[in-house]
């Protein structure tokens, strides 16, 4: 079988991936907060969400 993938590996990461990931981290942190309250994992997920949103803004607008 021969696979023809049209994806390039050129080192460019699209900014939309950072936005999608940050939305995922926000959803996960909300679920974690509702289940267990304010724990270390909830804070970590929220910090990751903020970090990925900042990365999205930097890559998109600068």
N, C-alpha and C. Protein backbone atom coordinates (compact mmCIF):
# COMPACT_ATOMS: atom_id res chain seq x y z
N UNK A 1 0.83 -1.18 0.00
CA UNK A 1 0.00 0.00 0.00
C UNK A 1 0.88 1.25 0.00
N UNK A 2 0.43 2.22 -0.73
CA UNK A 2 1.16 3.47 -0.82
C UNK A 2 0.30 4.59 -0.26
N UNK A 3 0.86 5.31 0.71
CA UNK A 3 0.15 6.42 1.33
C UNK A 3 0.71 7.73 0.79
N UNK A 4 -0.18 8.61 0.43
CA UNK A 4 0.22 9.91 -0.07
C UNK A 4 -0.34 10.98 0.87
N UNK A 5 0.48 11.38 1.82
CA UNK A 5 0.05 12.40 2.77
C UNK A 5 0.51 13.77 2.31
N UNK A 6 -0.36 14.73 2.38
CA UNK A 6 -0.06 16.08 1.92
C UNK A 6 0.42 16.98 3.05
N UNK A 7 0.90 16.40 4.13
CA UNK A 7 1.37 17.19 5.25
C UNK A 7 2.86 17.44 5.12
N UNK A 8 3.28 18.64 5.41
CA UNK A 8 4.68 18.97 5.35
C UNK A 8 5.28 19.07 6.74
N UNK A 9 6.51 18.67 6.85
CA UNK A 9 7.22 18.78 8.12
C UNK A 9 8.28 19.85 7.92
N UNK A 10 7.87 21.10 8.03
CA UNK A 10 8.79 22.20 7.80
C UNK A 10 9.04 23.01 9.06
N UNK A 11 8.54 22.57 10.20
CA UNK A 11 8.80 23.27 11.46
C UNK A 11 7.87 24.41 11.75
N UNK A 12 6.84 24.60 10.97
CA UNK A 12 5.90 25.70 11.18
C UNK A 12 4.70 25.16 11.95
N UNK A 13 4.41 25.78 13.07
CA UNK A 13 3.24 25.41 13.86
C UNK A 13 2.20 26.51 13.68
N UNK A 14 1.05 26.13 13.21
CA UNK A 14 -0.01 27.10 12.98
C UNK A 14 -0.55 27.60 14.33
N UNK A 15 -0.86 28.88 14.42
CA UNK A 15 -1.37 29.44 15.69
C UNK A 15 -2.71 28.85 16.13
N UNK A 16 -3.51 28.35 15.20
CA UNK A 16 -4.82 27.81 15.57
C UNK A 16 -4.67 26.59 16.47
N UNK A 17 -3.57 25.86 16.34
CA UNK A 17 -3.36 24.70 17.21
C UNK A 17 -3.20 25.14 18.67
N UNK A 18 -2.57 26.29 18.89
CA UNK A 18 -2.44 26.80 20.25
C UNK A 18 -3.79 27.21 20.81
N UNK A 19 -4.64 27.78 19.97
CA UNK A 19 -5.98 28.18 20.42
C UNK A 19 -6.82 26.96 20.76
N UNK A 20 -6.79 25.94 19.92
CA UNK A 20 -7.55 24.72 20.17
C UNK A 20 -7.07 24.04 21.45
N UNK A 21 -5.76 23.99 21.64
CA UNK A 21 -5.20 23.37 22.84
C UNK A 21 -5.57 24.16 24.09
N UNK A 22 -5.54 25.48 24.01
CA UNK A 22 -5.89 26.29 25.18
C UNK A 22 -7.36 26.13 25.54
N UNK A 23 -8.23 26.04 24.54
CA UNK A 23 -9.65 25.80 24.82
C UNK A 23 -9.83 24.44 25.49
N UNK A 24 -9.09 23.45 25.03
CA UNK A 24 -9.14 22.13 25.65
C UNK A 24 -8.69 22.17 27.10
N UNK A 25 -7.61 22.92 27.38
CA UNK A 25 -7.13 23.03 28.75
C UNK A 25 -8.13 23.77 29.64
N UNK A 26 -8.81 24.77 29.10
CA UNK A 26 -9.84 25.48 29.87
C UNK A 26 -10.98 24.54 30.22
N UNK A 27 -11.42 23.75 29.26
CA UNK A 27 -12.50 22.80 29.51
C UNK A 27 -12.07 21.76 30.55
N UNK A 28 -10.86 21.24 30.41
CA UNK A 28 -10.37 20.26 31.37
C UNK A 28 -10.23 20.85 32.78
N UNK A 29 -9.77 22.09 32.86
CA UNK A 29 -9.63 22.70 34.18
C UNK A 29 -10.99 22.97 34.82
N UNK A 30 -12.00 23.33 34.02
CA UNK A 30 -13.35 23.52 34.57
C UNK A 30 -13.93 22.20 35.07
N UNK A 31 -13.73 21.12 34.31
CA UNK A 31 -14.21 19.80 34.75
C UNK A 31 -13.50 19.39 36.03
N UNK A 32 -12.18 19.58 36.06
CA UNK A 32 -11.39 19.22 37.24
C UNK A 32 -11.81 20.06 38.45
N UNK A 33 -12.10 21.33 38.24
CA UNK A 33 -12.52 22.21 39.34
C UNK A 33 -13.87 21.78 39.91
N UNK A 34 -14.80 21.39 39.01
CA UNK A 34 -16.12 20.95 39.47
C UNK A 34 -16.03 19.64 40.24
N UNK A 35 -15.11 18.76 39.84
CA UNK A 35 -15.01 17.45 40.49
C UNK A 35 -14.29 17.52 41.83
N UNK A 36 -13.16 18.21 41.88
CA UNK A 36 -12.31 18.14 43.07
C UNK A 36 -12.09 19.48 43.75
N UNK A 37 -12.52 20.56 43.15
CA UNK A 37 -12.26 21.87 43.74
C UNK A 37 -10.90 22.39 43.33
N UNK A 38 -10.40 23.30 44.14
CA UNK A 38 -9.13 23.95 43.81
C UNK A 38 -7.97 23.07 44.28
N UNK A 39 -7.37 22.34 43.33
CA UNK A 39 -6.23 21.49 43.64
C UNK A 39 -5.04 21.92 42.80
N UNK A 40 -3.94 21.26 43.03
CA UNK A 40 -2.72 21.57 42.27
C UNK A 40 -2.91 21.28 40.78
N UNK A 41 -3.62 20.20 40.47
CA UNK A 41 -3.86 19.86 39.06
C UNK A 41 -4.73 20.90 38.36
N UNK A 42 -5.72 21.42 39.07
CA UNK A 42 -6.59 22.45 38.50
C UNK A 42 -5.80 23.72 38.19
N UNK A 43 -4.96 24.10 39.12
CA UNK A 43 -4.13 25.29 38.92
C UNK A 43 -3.17 25.08 37.75
N UNK A 44 -2.58 23.87 37.68
CA UNK A 44 -1.65 23.56 36.59
C UNK A 44 -2.35 23.63 35.23
N UNK A 45 -3.53 23.05 35.13
CA UNK A 45 -4.27 23.09 33.86
C UNK A 45 -4.64 24.52 33.48
N UNK A 46 -5.02 25.32 34.46
CA UNK A 46 -5.37 26.71 34.18
C UNK A 46 -4.15 27.51 33.73
N UNK A 47 -3.00 27.27 34.34
CA UNK A 47 -1.76 27.94 33.92
C UNK A 47 -1.39 27.53 32.51
N UNK A 48 -1.54 26.25 32.18
CA UNK A 48 -1.27 25.80 30.81
C UNK A 48 -2.21 26.47 29.81
N UNK A 49 -3.48 26.63 30.18
CA UNK A 49 -4.43 27.29 29.29
C UNK A 49 -4.02 28.74 29.04
N UNK A 50 -3.63 29.44 30.09
CA UNK A 50 -3.19 30.83 29.93
C UNK A 50 -1.93 30.89 29.07
N UNK A 51 -1.00 29.97 29.30
CA UNK A 51 0.24 29.94 28.52
C UNK A 51 -0.04 29.74 27.03
N UNK A 52 -0.94 28.82 26.70
CA UNK A 52 -1.23 28.56 25.29
C UNK A 52 -2.02 29.70 24.66
N UNK A 53 -2.87 30.38 25.42
CA UNK A 53 -3.57 31.55 24.89
C UNK A 53 -2.57 32.67 24.59
N UNK A 54 -1.61 32.87 25.49
CA UNK A 54 -0.57 33.89 25.26
C UNK A 54 0.26 33.53 24.03
N UNK A 55 0.61 32.25 23.89
CA UNK A 55 1.36 31.82 22.70
C UNK A 55 0.56 32.07 21.42
N UNK A 56 -0.75 31.80 21.46
CA UNK A 56 -1.60 32.06 20.29
C UNK A 56 -1.59 33.54 19.93
N UNK A 57 -1.73 34.39 20.94
CA UNK A 57 -1.76 35.83 20.69
C UNK A 57 -0.42 36.30 20.12
N UNK A 58 0.66 35.82 20.69
CA UNK A 58 1.99 36.23 20.21
C UNK A 58 2.20 35.77 18.78
N UNK A 59 1.87 34.52 18.47
CA UNK A 59 2.08 34.01 17.11
C UNK A 59 1.14 34.66 16.09
N UNK A 60 -0.03 35.04 16.53
CA UNK A 60 -1.00 35.58 15.59
C UNK A 60 -0.81 37.06 15.32
N UNK A 61 -0.41 37.83 16.31
CA UNK A 61 -0.42 39.27 16.17
C UNK A 61 0.95 39.93 16.18
N UNK A 62 2.03 39.19 16.40
CA UNK A 62 3.36 39.80 16.41
C UNK A 62 4.24 39.23 15.32
